[in-house]
């Protein structure tokens, strides 16, 4: 597999996400206090888009490994898992680009929200069945994360997507 960022170790990523979360919370508080809510939501758009573009690119570079990661959940037949391994990364990349360029925005947010919700359900179901799985979302960087870390990150992404969806609907209603 080709490593996109070869000089970054897995320990970097275990520290990176909490630091990024703290920075984002600080930025959000500052923007809310300054009354710049639209800028806040655009920043959230860019962050969520970057997460999905990055994750999609990692999976697109090694679809066979991603197919094995899907198969580890033991909920889909192998042939469907292989098909998803070739299709989902590109869907994530396109939806991320849609968030950045605001083309088909509500559709992209809806698709990404559905993907994250399905992934959360599959992850919790696999854990409940005692399966030791690697999600494959961020390649080898996420292999050493604990289940609570995965769950917290996915719930944060889901909450951000839900907020983006709510704001999009509220803006559309305000413009009517």
C-alpha atoms as a PDB file:
ATOM      1  CA  UNK A   1       0.000   0.000   0.000  1.00  0.00           C
ATOM      2  CA  UNK A   2       1.201   3.515  -0.766  1.00  0.00           C
ATOM      3  CA  UNK A   3       1.482   5.701   2.299  1.00  0.00           C
ATOM      4  CA  UNK A   4       0.226   9.227   1.687  1.00  0.00           C
ATOM      5  CA  UNK A   5       2.148  10.711   4.593  1.00  0.00           C
ATOM      6  CA  UNK A   6       5.113   8.391   5.225  1.00  0.00           C
ATOM      7  CA  UNK A   7       6.775  10.595   7.861  1.00  0.00           C
ATOM      8  CA  UNK A   8       3.773  10.600  10.196  1.00  0.00           C
ATOM      9  CA  UNK A   9       3.730   7.772  12.731  1.00  0.00           C
ATOM     10  CA  UNK A  10       0.586   6.152  14.178  1.00  0.00           C
ATOM     11  CA  UNK A  11       1.340   7.812  17.526  1.00  0.00           C
ATOM     12  CA  UNK A  12       1.067  11.173  15.784  1.00  0.00           C
ATOM     13  CA  UNK A  13      -2.523  10.373  14.821  1.00  0.00           C
ATOM     14  CA  UNK A  14      -3.425   9.263  18.351  1.00  0.00           C
ATOM     15  CA  UNK A  15      -2.378  12.716  19.582  1.00  0.00           C
ATOM     16  CA  UNK A  16      -3.554  14.640  16.505  1.00  0.00           C
ATOM     17  CA  UNK A  17      -7.308  14.002  16.822  1.00  0.00           C
ATOM     18  CA  UNK A  18      -7.729  15.186  20.447  1.00  0.00           C
ATOM     19  CA  UNK A  19      -5.598  18.275  19.768  1.00  0.00           C
ATOM     20  CA  UNK A  20      -7.592  19.016  16.611  1.00  0.00           C
ATOM     21  CA  UNK A  21     -10.839  18.638  18.559  1.00  0.00           C
ATOM     22  CA  UNK A  22      -9.655  21.087  21.221  1.00  0.00           C
ATOM     23  CA  UNK A  23      -8.587  23.613  18.576  1.00  0.00           C
ATOM     24  CA  UNK A  24     -11.920  23.284  16.790  1.00  0.00           C
ATOM     25  CA  UNK A  25     -13.888  23.808  19.978  1.00  0.00           C
ATOM     26  CA  UNK A  26     -11.849  26.937  20.716  1.00  0.00           C
ATOM     27  CA  UNK A  27     -12.429  28.266  17.185  1.00  0.00           C
ATOM     28  CA  UNK A  28     -16.161  27.501  17.447  1.00  0.00           C
ATOM     29  CA  UNK A  29     -16.475  29.362  20.737  1.00  0.00           C
ATOM     30  CA  UNK A  30     -14.600  32.382  19.351  1.00  0.00           C
ATOM     31  CA  UNK A  31     -16.734  32.491  16.195  1.00  0.00           C
ATOM     32  CA  UNK A  32     -19.986  32.102  18.109  1.00  0.00           C
ATOM     33  CA  UNK A  33     -18.986  34.901  20.471  1.00  0.00           C
ATOM     34  CA  UNK A  34     -18.058  37.063  17.479  1.00  0.00           C
ATOM     35  CA  UNK A  35     -21.401  36.330  15.797  1.00  0.00           C
ATOM     36  CA  UNK A  36     -19.799  34.671  12.745  1.00  0.00           C
ATOM     37  CA  UNK A  37     -21.993  31.591  12.561  1.00  0.00           C
ATOM     38  CA  UNK A  38     -21.758  31.181   8.767  1.00  0.00           C
ATOM     39  CA  UNK A  39     -17.961  31.086   8.963  1.00  0.00           C
ATOM     40  CA  UNK A  40     -18.203  28.474  11.704  1.00  0.00           C
ATOM     41  CA  UNK A  41     -20.360  26.210   9.537  1.00  0.00           C
ATOM     42  CA  UNK A  42     -18.048  26.637   6.547  1.00  0.00           C
ATOM     43  CA  UNK A  43     -15.124  25.600   8.732  1.00  0.00           C
ATOM     44  CA  UNK A  44     -17.096  22.537   9.832  1.00  0.00           C
ATOM     45  CA  UNK A  45     -17.855  21.842   6.143  1.00  0.00           C
ATOM     46  CA  UNK A  46     -14.162  21.937   5.291  1.00  0.00           C
ATOM     47  CA  UNK A  47     -13.142  19.767   8.240  1.00  0.00           C
ATOM     48  CA  UNK A  48     -15.753  17.092   7.547  1.00  0.00           C
ATOM     49  CA  UNK A  49     -14.921  17.227   3.836  1.00  0.00           C
ATOM     50  CA  UNK A  50     -11.208  16.815   4.590  1.00  0.00           C
ATOM     51  CA  UNK A  51     -11.889  13.825   6.840  1.00  0.00           C
ATOM     52  CA  UNK A  52     -13.925  12.055   4.165  1.00  0.00           C
ATOM     53  CA  UNK A  53     -11.613  12.964   1.274  1.00  0.00           C
ATOM     54  CA  UNK A  54      -8.607  11.720   3.252  1.00  0.00           C
ATOM     55  CA  UNK A  55     -10.353   8.533   4.391  1.00  0.00           C
ATOM     56  CA  UNK A  56     -11.716   7.895   0.898  1.00  0.00           C
ATOM     57  CA  UNK A  57      -8.305   8.410  -0.704  1.00  0.00           C
ATOM     58  CA  UNK A  58      -6.658   5.946   1.692  1.00  0.00           C
ATOM     59  CA  UNK A  59      -9.320   3.339   0.933  1.00  0.00           C
ATOM     60  CA  UNK A  60      -9.214   3.988  -2.822  1.00  0.00           C
ATOM     61  CA  UNK A  61      -5.455   3.358  -2.841  1.00  0.00           C
ATOM     62  CA  UNK A  62      -5.909  -0.126  -1.360  1.00  0.00           C
ATOM     63  CA  UNK A  63      -9.407  -1.433  -2.138  1.00  0.00           C
ATOM     64  CA  UNK A  64      -8.438  -5.056  -1.454  1.00  0.00           C
ATOM     65  CA  UNK A  65      -7.462  -4.235   2.134  1.00  0.00           C
ATOM     66  CA  UNK A  66     -10.658  -2.235   2.502  1.00  0.00           C
ATOM     67  CA  UNK A  67     -12.633  -5.257   1.214  1.00  0.00           C
ATOM     68  CA  UNK A  68     -10.995  -7.368   3.938  1.00  0.00           C
ATOM     69  CA  UNK A  69     -11.858  -4.691   6.510  1.00  0.00           C
ATOM     70  CA  UNK A  70     -15.504  -4.779   5.366  1.00  0.00           C
ATOM     71  CA  UNK A  71     -15.491  -8.591   5.494  1.00  0.00           C
ATOM     72  CA  UNK A  72     -14.245  -8.525   9.104  1.00  0.00           C
ATOM     73  CA  UNK A  73     -17.663  -7.213  10.178  1.00  0.00           C
ATOM     74  CA  UNK A  74     -19.257 -10.476   8.978  1.00  0.00           C
ATOM     75  CA  UNK A  75     -22.515  -8.821   7.902  1.00  0.00           C
ATOM     76  CA  UNK A  76     -22.193  -8.899   4.101  1.00  0.00           C
ATOM     77  CA  UNK A  77     -21.212 -11.576   1.581  1.00  0.00           C
ATOM     78  CA  UNK A  78     -17.678 -11.242   0.227  1.00  0.00           C
ATOM     79  CA  UNK A  79     -18.792 -10.221  -3.281  1.00  0.00           C
ATOM     80  CA  UNK A  80     -20.872  -7.326  -1.953  1.00  0.00           C
ATOM     81  CA  UNK A  81     -18.003  -6.288   0.319  1.00  0.00           C
ATOM     82  CA  UNK A  82     -15.638  -6.184  -2.657  1.00  0.00           C
ATOM     83  CA  UNK A  83     -18.103  -4.087  -4.632  1.00  0.00           C
ATOM     84  CA  UNK A  84     -18.469  -1.661  -1.744  1.00  0.00           C
ATOM     85  CA  UNK A  85     -14.694  -1.501  -1.319  1.00  0.00           C
ATOM     86  CA  UNK A  86     -14.353  -0.193  -4.865  1.00  0.00           C
ATOM     87  CA  UNK A  87     -17.409   2.113  -4.722  1.00  0.00           C
ATOM     88  CA  UNK A  88     -17.556   3.665  -1.231  1.00  0.00           C
ATOM     89  CA  UNK A  89     -14.165   5.428  -1.257  1.00  0.00           C
ATOM     90  CA  UNK A  90     -15.109   7.357  -4.379  1.00  0.00           C
ATOM     91  CA  UNK A  91     -18.518   8.180  -2.941  1.00  0.00           C
ATOM     92  CA  UNK A  92     -16.811   9.576   0.174  1.00  0.00           C
ATOM     93  CA  UNK A  93     -14.401  11.642  -1.958  1.00  0.00           C
ATOM     94  CA  UNK A  94     -17.198  13.028  -4.143  1.00  0.00           C
ATOM     95  CA  UNK A  95     -19.373  13.865  -1.139  1.00  0.00           C
ATOM     96  CA  UNK A  96     -16.411  15.599   0.508  1.00  0.00           C
ATOM     97  CA  UNK A  97     -15.867  17.676  -2.633  1.00  0.00           C
ATOM     98  CA  UNK A  98     -19.591  18.476  -2.708  1.00  0.00           C
ATOM     99  CA  UNK A  99     -19.318  19.878   0.815  1.00  0.00           C
ATOM    100  CA  UNK A 100     -16.418  22.101  -0.190  1.00  0.00           C
ATOM    101  CA  UNK A 101     -17.937  23.399  -3.430  1.00  0.00           C
ATOM    102  CA  UNK A 102     -21.538  23.351  -2.123  1.00  0.00           C
ATOM    103  CA  UNK A 103     -22.792  21.398  -5.129  1.00  0.00           C
ATOM    104  CA  UNK A 104     -25.530  18.917  -4.240  1.00  0.00           C
ATOM    105  CA  UNK A 105     -24.782  19.939  -0.668  1.00  0.00           C
ATOM    106  CA  UNK A 106     -27.813  18.502   1.111  1.00  0.00           C
ATOM    107  CA  UNK A 107     -27.507  15.258  -0.798  1.00  0.00           C
ATOM    108  CA  UNK A 108     -23.842  14.927   0.168  1.00  0.00           C
ATOM    109  CA  UNK A 109     -24.582  15.659   3.824  1.00  0.00           C
ATOM    110  CA  UNK A 110     -27.436  13.144   3.798  1.00  0.00           C
ATOM    111  CA  UNK A 111     -25.313  10.425   2.177  1.00  0.00           C
ATOM    112  CA  UNK A 112     -22.410  10.970   4.576  1.00  0.00           C
ATOM    113  CA  UNK A 113     -24.772  10.997   7.572  1.00  0.00           C
ATOM    114  CA  UNK A 114     -26.247   7.696   6.413  1.00  0.00           C
ATOM    115  CA  UNK A 115     -22.811   6.160   5.861  1.00  0.00           C
ATOM    116  CA  UNK A 116     -21.599   7.160   9.319  1.00  0.00           C
ATOM    117  CA  UNK A 117     -24.822   5.947  10.971  1.00  0.00           C
ATOM    118  CA  UNK A 118     -24.593   2.567   9.209  1.00  0.00           C
ATOM    119  CA  UNK A 119     -20.919   2.294  10.140  1.00  0.00           C
ATOM    120  CA  UNK A 120     -21.698   3.071  13.795  1.00  0.00           C
ATOM    121  CA  UNK A 121     -24.419   0.414  13.893  1.00  0.00           C
ATOM    122  CA  UNK A 122     -22.134  -2.145  12.233  1.00  0.00           C
ATOM    123  CA  UNK A 123     -19.281  -1.317  14.605  1.00  0.00           C
ATOM    124  CA  UNK A 124     -21.403  -1.617  17.741  1.00  0.00           C
ATOM    125  CA  UNK A 125     -22.969  -4.850  16.437  1.00  0.00           C
ATOM    126  CA  UNK A 126     -19.523  -6.322  15.703  1.00  0.00           C
ATOM    127  CA  UNK A 127     -18.267  -5.351  19.146  1.00  0.00           C
ATOM    128  CA  UNK A 128     -21.377  -6.840  20.757  1.00  0.00           C
ATOM    129  CA  UNK A 129     -20.697 -10.112  18.898  1.00  0.00           C
ATOM    130  CA  UNK A 130     -17.128 -10.112  20.223  1.00  0.00           C
ATOM    131  CA  UNK A 131     -15.461  -9.494  16.879  1.00  0.00           C
ATOM    132  CA  UNK A 132     -12.055  -7.823  17.034  1.00  0.00           C
ATOM    133  CA  UNK A 133     -12.188  -5.545  14.019  1.00  0.00           C
ATOM    134  CA  UNK A 134     -10.152  -2.833  12.409  1.00  0.00           C
ATOM    135  CA  UNK A 135     -12.437  -0.314  10.774  1.00  0.00           C
ATOM    136  CA  UNK A 136     -10.027   0.631   7.983  1.00  0.00           C
ATOM    137  CA  UNK A 137     -11.325   4.198   7.888  1.00  0.00           C
ATOM    138  CA  UNK A 138      -7.951   5.881   8.107  1.00  0.00           C
ATOM    139  CA  UNK A 139      -5.741   3.050   6.919  1.00  0.00           C
ATOM    140  CA  UNK A 140      -3.086   1.760   9.274  1.00  0.00           C
ATOM    141  CA  UNK A 141      -3.147   4.960  11.327  1.00  0.00           C
ATOM    142  CA  UNK A 142      -6.401   3.902  13.005  1.00  0.00           C
ATOM    143  CA  UNK A 143      -5.462   0.285  13.715  1.00  0.00           C
ATOM    144  CA  UNK A 144      -4.146   1.016  17.206  1.00  0.00           C
ATOM    145  CA  UNK A 145      -7.139   3.054  18.331  1.00  0.00           C
ATOM    146  CA  UNK A 146      -9.349   1.640  21.054  1.00  0.00           C
ATOM    147  CA  UNK A 147     -13.058   1.014  20.561  1.00  0.00           C
ATOM    148  CA  UNK A 148     -14.029   4.078  22.660  1.00  0.00           C
ATOM    149  CA  UNK A 149     -11.723   6.254  20.528  1.00  0.00           C
ATOM    150  CA  UNK A 150     -13.350   4.996  17.324  1.00  0.00           C
ATOM    151  CA  UNK A 151     -16.783   5.462  18.815  1.00  0.00           C
ATOM    152  CA  UNK A 152     -16.049   9.003  20.033  1.00  0.00           C
ATOM    153  CA  UNK A 153     -14.649  10.070  16.660  1.00  0.00           C
ATOM    154  CA  UNK A 154     -17.582   8.581  14.759  1.00  0.00           C
ATOM    155  CA  UNK A 155     -20.130  10.141  17.099  1.00  0.00           C
ATOM    156  CA  UNK A 156     -18.399  13.521  16.732  1.00  0.00           C
ATOM    157  CA  UNK A 157     -18.507  13.217  12.930  1.00  0.00           C
ATOM    158  CA  UNK A 158     -22.158  12.152  13.078  1.00  0.00           C
ATOM    159  CA  UNK A 159     -23.004  15.110  15.330  1.00  0.00           C
ATOM    160  CA  UNK A 160     -21.211  17.520  12.977  1.00  0.00           C
ATOM    161  CA  UNK A 161     -23.060  16.076   9.977  1.00  0.00           C
ATOM    162  CA  UNK A 162     -26.391  16.290  11.801  1.00  0.00           C
ATOM    163  CA  UNK A 163     -25.666  19.930  12.660  1.00  0.00           C
ATOM    164  CA  UNK A 164     -24.750  20.687   9.037  1.00  0.00           C
ATOM    165  CA  UNK A 165     -27.958  19.024   7.864  1.00  0.00           C
ATOM    166  CA  UNK A 166     -30.031  20.984  10.380  1.00  0.00           C
ATOM    167  CA  UNK A 167     -28.382  24.297   9.396  1.00  0.00           C
ATOM    168  CA  UNK A 168     -28.894  23.570   5.710  1.00  0.00           C
ATOM    169  CA  UNK A 169     -32.593  22.908   6.240  1.00  0.00           C
ATOM    170  CA  UNK A 170     -32.935  25.997   8.471  1.00  0.00           C
ATOM    171  CA  UNK A 171     -31.235  28.192   5.837  1.00  0.00           C
ATOM    172  CA  UNK A 172     -33.514  26.788   3.132  1.00  0.00           C
ATOM    173  CA  UNK A 173     -36.597  27.522   5.239  1.00  0.00           C
ATOM    174  CA  UNK A 174     -35.388  31.039   5.990  1.00  0.00           C
ATOM    175  CA  UNK A 175     -34.954  31.736   2.262  1.00  0.00           C
ATOM    176  CA  UNK A 176     -38.507  30.629   1.401  1.00  0.00           C
END
